[in-house]
Amino acid sequence: MRLKSAFEDFEANTLGAVHGLLGRLSYVGGLHAGDGTYAHWGLAKVYGDEAAKCAIRASHRVLVSEVLKRPLAVLLNDVPVSCLNQRLTAAEFLASLTHCPPRQFSPAARAHLRSVLSALSALLESPNNASLRAAAQPRLPGQEPPPPAGI
């Protein structure tokens, strides 16, 4: 009798060994076959092919959702951690993430992820990230800047 589901096993044992949120997203994106399926020999061997595919698909959805919820400042700090063992520069690593949102995600989610990755790439290229620190600070009500004149 197994004590863990395929999803729990994949999250704890496989993804638990991968550095960073974006690193995990990259790893799971690499398991995607492009035709809507996923392949992971060890997980399929233990839980069966269909259970493994379902677990990885569910994990992929969770990871994309987590990335889309995080502030850019947090994701920017995650980039060096995520590409530690990749032997890629941060810019190359972010470019490699384009394979991460498979067609099963809504067009809006794919577009949102592309925009987040594009923003991270632009921030990495920027020599001055001071505006990022200011952008990461939540504004209190009443501290909002006034809208531009004429709006």
N, C-alpha and C. Protein backbone atom coordinates (compact mmCIF):
# COMPACT_ATOMS: atom_id res chain seq x y z
N MET A 1 0.83 -1.17 0.00
CA MET A 1 0.00 0.00 0.00
C MET A 1 0.88 1.25 0.00
N ARG A 2 0.62 2.15 -0.93
CA ARG A 2 1.39 3.38 -1.02
C ARG A 2 0.83 4.40 -0.03
N LEU A 3 1.72 5.15 0.58
CA LEU A 3 1.30 6.17 1.53
C LEU A 3 1.12 7.53 0.87
N LYS A 4 1.67 7.69 -0.33
CA LYS A 4 1.59 8.96 -1.04
C LYS A 4 0.94 8.76 -2.39
N SER A 5 0.26 9.80 -2.85
CA SER A 5 -0.26 9.77 -4.22
C SER A 5 0.90 10.10 -5.16
N ALA A 6 0.67 9.89 -6.44
CA ALA A 6 1.70 10.22 -7.43
C ALA A 6 2.02 11.71 -7.36
N PHE A 7 1.00 12.53 -7.19
CA PHE A 7 1.21 13.97 -7.10
C PHE A 7 2.07 14.32 -5.89
N GLU A 8 1.73 13.77 -4.72
CA GLU A 8 2.50 14.05 -3.50
C GLU A 8 3.93 13.57 -3.63
N ASP A 9 4.11 12.40 -4.21
CA ASP A 9 5.45 11.84 -4.41
C ASP A 9 6.26 12.75 -5.35
N PHE A 10 5.66 13.15 -6.47
CA PHE A 10 6.34 14.00 -7.43
C PHE A 10 6.72 15.34 -6.80
N GLU A 11 5.78 15.95 -6.08
CA GLU A 11 6.04 17.25 -5.45
C GLU A 11 7.16 17.12 -4.40
N ALA A 12 7.07 16.14 -3.54
CA ALA A 12 8.03 16.02 -2.43
C ALA A 12 9.39 15.52 -2.88
N ASN A 13 9.41 14.45 -3.64
CA ASN A 13 10.69 13.82 -3.96
C ASN A 13 11.37 14.38 -5.20
N THR A 14 10.62 14.55 -6.26
CA THR A 14 11.23 15.02 -7.51
C THR A 14 11.43 16.53 -7.47
N LEU A 15 10.34 17.27 -7.30
CA LEU A 15 10.46 18.73 -7.32
C LEU A 15 11.16 19.26 -6.09
N GLY A 16 11.11 18.52 -5.01
CA GLY A 16 11.81 18.94 -3.79
C GLY A 16 13.31 19.03 -3.99
N ALA A 17 13.85 18.35 -4.98
CA ALA A 17 15.28 18.37 -5.24
C ALA A 17 15.69 19.45 -6.25
N VAL A 18 14.72 20.16 -6.80
CA VAL A 18 15.00 21.18 -7.82
C VAL A 18 15.00 22.55 -7.14
N HIS A 19 16.03 23.34 -7.41
CA HIS A 19 16.18 24.66 -6.80
C HIS A 19 15.26 25.69 -7.44
N GLY A 20 14.58 26.46 -6.61
CA GLY A 20 13.82 27.63 -7.04
C GLY A 20 12.50 27.31 -7.71
N LEU A 21 11.57 28.25 -7.60
CA LEU A 21 10.26 28.11 -8.22
C LEU A 21 10.37 28.07 -9.74
N LEU A 22 11.15 28.97 -10.31
CA LEU A 22 11.32 28.98 -11.76
C LEU A 22 12.11 27.75 -12.23
N GLY A 23 12.99 27.26 -11.39
CA GLY A 23 13.73 26.03 -11.71
C GLY A 23 12.79 24.84 -11.79
N ARG A 24 11.83 24.78 -10.86
CA ARG A 24 10.84 23.70 -10.89
C ARG A 24 9.95 23.82 -12.11
N LEU A 25 9.58 25.06 -12.44
CA LEU A 25 8.76 25.27 -13.64
C LEU A 25 9.52 24.83 -14.89
N SER A 26 10.79 25.14 -14.95
CA SER A 26 11.62 24.72 -16.08
C SER A 26 11.70 23.19 -16.16
N TYR A 27 11.90 22.56 -15.01
CA TYR A 27 12.01 21.10 -14.98
C TYR A 27 10.73 20.43 -15.49
N VAL A 28 9.59 20.87 -14.96
CA VAL A 28 8.31 20.27 -15.36
C VAL A 28 8.02 20.58 -16.82
N GLY A 29 8.35 21.78 -17.26
CA GLY A 29 8.18 22.12 -18.67
C GLY A 29 9.00 21.21 -19.57
N GLY A 30 10.15 20.80 -19.09
CA GLY A 30 10.99 19.88 -19.85
C GLY A 30 10.43 18.47 -19.93
N LEU A 31 9.53 18.13 -19.03
CA LEU A 31 8.89 16.80 -19.05
C LEU A 31 7.71 16.77 -20.01
N HIS A 32 7.28 17.94 -20.47
CA HIS A 32 6.13 18.04 -21.38
C HIS A 32 6.56 17.61 -22.77
N ALA A 33 5.80 16.71 -23.36
CA ALA A 33 6.17 16.14 -24.66
C ALA A 33 5.71 17.00 -25.83
N GLY A 34 4.95 18.05 -25.58
CA GLY A 34 4.49 18.91 -26.66
C GLY A 34 3.14 18.50 -27.22
N ASP A 35 2.75 17.28 -26.99
CA ASP A 35 1.46 16.80 -27.49
C ASP A 35 0.43 16.72 -26.37
N GLY A 36 0.70 17.39 -25.26
CA GLY A 36 -0.23 17.37 -24.13
C GLY A 36 0.09 16.33 -23.08
N THR A 37 1.11 15.53 -23.31
CA THR A 37 1.46 14.48 -22.35
C THR A 37 2.79 14.82 -21.67
N TYR A 38 3.05 14.11 -20.61
CA TYR A 38 4.28 14.26 -19.84
C TYR A 38 4.92 12.88 -19.71
N ALA A 39 6.24 12.89 -19.57
CA ALA A 39 6.94 11.62 -19.42
C ALA A 39 7.91 11.70 -18.24
N HIS A 40 7.79 10.74 -17.32
CA HIS A 40 8.71 10.62 -16.19
C HIS A 40 8.80 9.13 -15.88
N TRP A 41 9.89 8.52 -16.28
CA TRP A 41 10.03 7.08 -16.22
C TRP A 41 9.81 6.55 -14.80
N GLY A 42 10.48 7.14 -13.80
CA GLY A 42 10.39 6.62 -12.44
C GLY A 42 8.99 6.71 -11.85
N LEU A 43 8.34 7.84 -12.05
CA LEU A 43 6.98 8.01 -11.53
C LEU A 43 6.01 7.05 -12.22
N ALA A 44 6.17 6.88 -13.53
CA ALA A 44 5.31 5.96 -14.28
C ALA A 44 5.55 4.52 -13.83
N LYS A 45 6.77 4.20 -13.51
CA LYS A 45 7.11 2.84 -13.08
C LYS A 45 6.41 2.50 -11.75
N VAL A 46 6.35 3.47 -10.86
CA VAL A 46 5.77 3.24 -9.54
C VAL A 46 4.25 3.35 -9.54
N TYR A 47 3.72 4.37 -10.24
CA TYR A 47 2.28 4.67 -10.14
C TYR A 47 1.49 4.36 -11.41
N GLY A 48 2.17 4.02 -12.46
CA GLY A 48 1.49 3.81 -13.73
C GLY A 48 1.56 5.06 -14.59
N ASP A 49 1.48 4.86 -15.89
CA ASP A 49 1.66 5.94 -16.85
C ASP A 49 0.61 7.04 -16.69
N GLU A 50 -0.65 6.65 -16.59
CA GLU A 50 -1.72 7.67 -16.52
C GLU A 50 -1.65 8.47 -15.23
N ALA A 51 -1.42 7.82 -14.11
CA ALA A 51 -1.32 8.53 -12.83
C ALA A 51 -0.13 9.49 -12.83
N ALA A 52 0.98 9.07 -13.43
CA ALA A 52 2.16 9.93 -13.50
C ALA A 52 1.87 11.16 -14.35
N LYS A 53 1.24 10.97 -15.50
CA LYS A 53 0.90 12.10 -16.38
C LYS A 53 -0.04 13.07 -15.68
N CYS A 54 -1.04 12.56 -15.01
CA CYS A 54 -2.00 13.41 -14.29
C CYS A 54 -1.31 14.18 -13.17
N ALA A 55 -0.42 13.53 -12.45
CA ALA A 55 0.29 14.18 -11.34
C ALA A 55 1.18 15.31 -11.86
N ILE A 56 1.90 15.05 -12.93
CA ILE A 56 2.79 16.08 -13.47
C ILE A 56 1.99 17.22 -14.07
N ARG A 57 0.89 16.92 -14.74
CA ARG A 57 0.02 17.96 -15.31
C ARG A 57 -0.51 18.86 -14.19
N ALA A 58 -0.97 18.24 -13.09
CA ALA A 58 -1.49 19.01 -11.96
C ALA A 58 -0.39 19.87 -11.33
N SER A 59 0.78 19.30 -11.20
CA SER A 59 1.90 20.04 -10.64
C SER A 59 2.29 21.22 -11.54
N HIS A 60 2.24 21.01 -12.84
CA HIS A 60 2.56 22.08 -13.79
C HIS A 60 1.58 23.24 -13.62
N ARG A 61 0.31 22.92 -13.49
CA ARG A 61 -0.71 23.97 -13.29
C ARG A 61 -0.44 24.75 -12.00
N VAL A 62 -0.11 24.04 -10.93
CA VAL A 62 0.19 24.69 -9.65
C VAL A 62 1.40 25.61 -9.79
N LEU A 63 2.44 25.14 -10.46
CA LEU A 63 3.65 25.94 -10.62
C LEU A 63 3.39 27.21 -11.42
N VAL A 64 2.67 27.09 -12.53
CA VAL A 64 2.36 28.28 -13.33
C VAL A 64 1.55 29.25 -12.50
N SER A 65 0.58 28.75 -11.77
CA SER A 65 -0.24 29.60 -10.91
C SER A 65 0.61 30.31 -9.87
N GLU A 66 1.53 29.60 -9.25
CA GLU A 66 2.41 30.20 -8.24
C GLU A 66 3.29 31.29 -8.84
N VAL A 67 3.83 31.04 -10.01
CA VAL A 67 4.67 32.04 -10.67
C VAL A 67 3.86 33.30 -10.96
N LEU A 68 2.64 33.12 -11.46
CA LEU A 68 1.81 34.26 -11.82
C LEU A 68 1.34 35.06 -10.61
N LYS A 69 1.35 34.46 -9.44
CA LYS A 69 0.92 35.15 -8.22
C LYS A 69 2.05 35.94 -7.56
N ARG A 70 3.29 35.57 -7.85
CA ARG A 70 4.43 36.17 -7.16
C ARG A 70 4.76 37.55 -7.71
N PRO A 71 5.18 38.47 -6.83
CA PRO A 71 5.65 39.77 -7.30
C PRO A 71 6.94 39.61 -8.12
N LEU A 72 7.15 40.51 -9.05
CA LEU A 72 8.35 40.44 -9.88
C LEU A 72 9.63 40.47 -9.05
N ALA A 73 9.63 41.24 -7.96
CA ALA A 73 10.82 41.32 -7.12
C ALA A 73 11.19 39.95 -6.55
N VAL A 74 10.20 39.19 -6.15
CA VAL A 74 10.44 37.85 -5.61
C VAL A 74 10.95 36.93 -6.71
N LEU A 75 10.33 37.01 -7.89
CA LEU A 75 10.77 36.17 -9.00
C LEU A 75 12.17 36.54 -9.46
N LEU A 76 12.49 37.82 -9.44
CA LEU A 76 13.83 38.25 -9.85
C LEU A 76 14.88 37.66 -8.91
N ASN A 77 14.58 37.60 -7.63
CA ASN A 77 15.49 36.98 -6.66
C ASN A 77 15.57 35.47 -6.85
N ASP A 78 14.53 34.88 -7.42
CA ASP A 78 14.48 33.43 -7.64
C ASP A 78 15.32 33.00 -8.84
N VAL A 79 15.55 33.91 -9.77
CA VAL A 79 16.26 33.55 -11.01
C VAL A 79 17.64 32.96 -10.74
N PRO A 80 18.52 33.62 -9.96
CA PRO A 80 19.85 33.02 -9.74
C PRO A 80 19.79 31.68 -9.02
N VAL A 81 18.85 31.53 -8.10
CA VAL A 81 18.69 30.27 -7.38
C VAL A 81 18.24 29.18 -8.35
N SER A 82 17.29 29.52 -9.22
CA SER A 82 16.71 28.55 -10.14
C SER A 82 17.69 28.08 -11.22
N CYS A 83 18.61 28.94 -11.60
CA CYS A 83 19.52 28.51 -12.67
C CYS A 83 20.88 28.07 -12.12
N LEU A 84 20.95 27.80 -10.82
CA LEU A 84 22.20 27.36 -10.19
C LEU A 84 22.82 26.16 -10.89
N ASN A 85 22.06 25.11 -11.07
CA ASN A 85 22.60 23.87 -11.65
C ASN A 85 22.35 23.73 -13.13
N GLN A 86 21.87 24.79 -13.77
CA GLN A 86 21.51 24.71 -15.18
C GLN A 86 22.68 24.98 -16.13
N ARG A 87 23.75 25.59 -15.62
CA ARG A 87 24.89 25.99 -16.44
C ARG A 87 24.45 26.94 -17.55
N LEU A 88 23.54 27.84 -17.20
CA LEU A 88 23.05 28.87 -18.10
C LEU A 88 23.16 30.21 -17.40
N THR A 89 23.31 31.26 -18.20
CA THR A 89 23.22 32.59 -17.60
C THR A 89 21.77 32.82 -17.23
N ALA A 90 21.52 33.84 -16.43
CA ALA A 90 20.15 34.16 -16.03
C ALA A 90 19.30 34.47 -17.26
N ALA A 91 19.87 35.20 -18.21
CA ALA A 91 19.12 35.56 -19.43
C ALA A 91 18.81 34.32 -20.25
N GLU A 92 19.79 33.41 -20.38
CA GLU A 92 19.56 32.17 -21.13
C GLU A 92 18.51 31.30 -20.44
N PHE A 93 18.57 31.27 -19.11
CA PHE A 93 17.60 30.49 -18.35
C PHE A 93 16.19 31.00 -18.57
N LEU A 94 16.00 32.32 -18.49
CA LEU A 94 14.66 32.89 -18.70
C LEU A 94 14.17 32.62 -20.12
N ALA A 95 15.08 32.71 -21.10
CA ALA A 95 14.70 32.42 -22.48
C ALA A 95 14.28 30.96 -22.63
N SER A 96 14.89 30.08 -21.86
CA SER A 96 14.55 28.65 -21.95
C SER A 96 13.17 28.34 -21.38
N LEU A 97 12.62 29.25 -20.59
CA LEU A 97 11.32 29.01 -19.97
C LEU A 97 10.15 29.17 -20.93
N THR A 98 10.41 29.54 -22.16
CA THR A 98 9.31 29.73 -23.10
C THR A 98 8.56 28.44 -23.39
N HIS A 99 9.17 27.29 -23.14
CA HIS A 99 8.49 26.01 -23.36
C HIS A 99 7.58 25.63 -22.19
N CYS A 100 7.54 26.43 -21.16
CA CYS A 100 6.83 26.03 -19.94
C CYS A 100 5.31 26.07 -20.00
N PRO A 101 4.66 26.98 -20.73
CA PRO A 101 3.19 26.92 -20.72
C PRO A 101 2.63 26.12 -21.89
N PRO A 102 2.30 24.86 -21.70
CA PRO A 102 1.74 24.08 -22.79
C PRO A 102 0.35 24.55 -23.19
N ARG A 103 -0.12 24.06 -24.31
CA ARG A 103 -1.41 24.49 -24.87
C ARG A 103 -2.59 24.25 -23.94
N GLN A 104 -2.47 23.35 -22.98
CA GLN A 104 -3.60 23.06 -22.09
C GLN A 104 -3.96 24.26 -21.22
N PHE A 105 -3.05 25.22 -21.07
CA PHE A 105 -3.35 26.42 -20.31
C PHE A 105 -4.11 27.39 -21.18
N SER A 106 -4.88 28.23 -20.57
CA SER A 106 -5.66 29.20 -21.33
C SER A 106 -4.72 30.16 -22.04
N PRO A 107 -5.19 30.74 -23.15
CA PRO A 107 -4.37 31.74 -23.84
C PRO A 107 -4.00 32.90 -22.92
N ALA A 108 -4.91 33.27 -22.01
CA ALA A 108 -4.63 34.36 -21.09
C ALA A 108 -3.49 33.99 -20.13
N ALA A 109 -3.49 32.76 -19.61
CA ALA A 109 -2.43 32.32 -18.70
C ALA A 109 -1.09 32.26 -19.43
N ARG A 110 -1.09 31.76 -20.66
CA ARG A 110 0.15 31.72 -21.44
C ARG A 110 0.67 33.12 -21.71
N ALA A 111 -0.23 34.04 -22.07
CA ALA A 111 0.18 35.42 -22.33
C ALA A 111 0.70 36.09 -21.06
N HIS A 112 0.04 35.82 -19.94
CA HIS A 112 0.47 36.39 -18.66
C HIS A 112 1.87 35.87 -18.31
N LEU A 113 2.10 34.58 -18.47
CA LEU A 113 3.41 34.02 -18.16
C LEU A 113 4.47 34.61 -19.09
N ARG A 114 4.16 34.73 -20.37
CA ARG A 114 5.12 35.34 -21.30
C ARG A 114 5.46 36.77 -20.88
N SER A 115 4.45 37.53 -20.44
CA SER A 115 4.71 38.91 -20.04
C SER A 115 5.56 38.97 -18.76
N VAL A 116 5.32 38.06 -17.84
CA VAL A 116 6.12 38.01 -16.62
C VAL A 116 7.58 37.67 -16.97
N LEU A 117 7.78 36.69 -17.82
CA LEU A 117 9.14 36.31 -18.21
C LEU A 117 9.82 37.43 -18.99
N SER A 118 9.07 38.12 -19.82
CA SER A 118 9.61 39.26 -20.55
C SER A 118 10.01 40.38 -19.60
N ALA A 119 9.18 40.65 -18.62
CA ALA A 119 9.50 41.69 -17.64
C ALA A 119 10.74 41.31 -16.84
N LEU A 120 10.86 40.05 -16.45
CA LEU A 120 12.05 39.60 -15.72
C LEU A 120 13.29 39.75 -16.58
N SER A 121 13.20 39.41 -17.85
CA SER A 121 14.34 39.56 -18.76
C SER A 121 14.75 41.03 -18.86
N ALA A 122 13.77 41.91 -18.99
CA ALA A 122 14.06 43.34 -19.09
C ALA A 122 14.70 43.86 -17.80
N LEU A 123 14.22 43.39 -16.67
CA LEU A 123 14.80 43.81 -15.40
C LEU A 123 16.22 43.31 -15.23
N LEU A 124 16.51 42.13 -15.74
CA LEU A 124 17.88 41.61 -15.67
C LEU A 124 18.83 42.43 -16.53
N GLU A 125 18.34 42.93 -17.64
CA GLU A 125 19.17 43.73 -18.54
C GLU A 125 19.39 45.13 -18.00
N SER A 126 18.48 45.59 -17.15
CA SER A 126 18.56 46.95 -16.61
C SER A 126 19.68 47.04 -15.59
N PRO A 127 20.57 48.01 -15.74
CA PRO A 127 21.67 48.13 -14.76
C PRO A 127 21.20 48.70 -13.42
N ASN A 128 20.03 49.32 -13.39
CA ASN A 128 19.55 49.92 -12.15
C ASN A 128 18.20 49.33 -11.80
N ASN A 129 18.17 48.52 -10.74
CA ASN A 129 16.94 47.89 -10.32
C ASN A 129 16.28 48.63 -9.17
N ALA A 130 16.66 49.88 -8.95
CA ALA A 130 16.10 50.65 -7.84
C ALA A 130 14.59 50.77 -7.97
N SER A 131 14.11 50.94 -9.17
CA SER A 131 12.67 51.08 -9.34
C SER A 131 11.95 49.78 -8.99
N LEU A 132 12.61 48.65 -9.15
CA LEU A 132 12.01 47.38 -8.77
C LEU A 132 11.77 47.32 -7.28
N ARG A 133 12.74 47.80 -6.48
CA ARG A 133 12.56 47.79 -5.03
C ARG A 133 11.37 48.66 -4.63
N ALA A 134 11.23 49.79 -5.27
CA ALA A 134 10.11 50.67 -4.96
C ALA A 134 8.79 50.04 -5.41
N ALA A 135 8.82 49.36 -6.54
CA ALA A 135 7.61 48.74 -7.06
C ALA A 135 7.16 47.58 -6.18
N ALA A 136 8.08 46.96 -5.47
CA ALA A 136 7.73 45.81 -4.64
C ALA A 136 7.06 46.23 -3.34
N GLN A 137 7.17 47.51 -2.97
CA GLN A 137 6.56 47.98 -1.74
C GLN A 137 5.08 48.26 -1.97
N PRO A 138 4.20 47.62 -1.23
CA PRO A 138 2.76 47.89 -1.41
C PRO A 138 2.44 49.30 -0.94
N ARG A 139 1.56 49.95 -1.66
CA ARG A 139 1.15 51.30 -1.29
C ARG A 139 -0.10 51.21 -0.42
N LEU A 140 -0.15 52.08 0.56
CA LEU A 140 -1.30 52.15 1.43
C LEU A 140 -2.37 53.00 0.76
N PRO A 141 -3.64 52.77 1.08
CA PRO A 141 -4.68 53.63 0.52
C PRO A 141 -4.39 55.09 0.88
N GLY A 142 -4.60 55.97 -0.07
CA GLY A 142 -4.31 57.37 0.15
C GLY A 142 -2.93 57.76 -0.30
N GLN A 143 -2.05 56.77 -0.55
CA GLN A 143 -0.70 57.04 -1.02
C GLN A 143 -0.60 56.89 -2.54
N GLU A 144 -1.69 56.56 -3.17
CA GLU A 144 -1.68 56.38 -4.61
C GLU A 144 -1.39 57.72 -5.28
N PRO A 145 -0.58 57.72 -6.32
CA PRO A 145 -0.33 58.97 -7.02
C PRO A 145 -1.58 59.40 -7.77
N PRO A 146 -1.77 60.70 -7.93
CA PRO A 146 -2.96 61.15 -8.66
C PRO A 146 -2.88 60.74 -10.11
N PRO A 147 -4.03 60.52 -10.76
CA PRO A 147 -4.00 60.15 -12.18
C PRO A 147 -3.50 61.32 -13.01
N PRO A 148 -2.94 61.04 -14.17
CA PRO A 148 -2.47 62.12 -15.04
C PRO A 148 -3.64 63.06 -15.40
N ALA A 149 -3.30 64.32 -15.64
CA ALA A 149 -4.31 65.31 -15.97
C ALA A 149 -5.04 64.91 -17.23
N GLY A 150 -6.31 65.18 -17.25
CA GLY A 150 -7.11 64.88 -18.44
C GLY A 150 -7.72 63.50 -18.44
N ILE A 151 -7.56 62.74 -17.37
CA ILE A 151 -8.15 61.39 -17.33
C ILE A 151 -9.33 61.38 -16.41
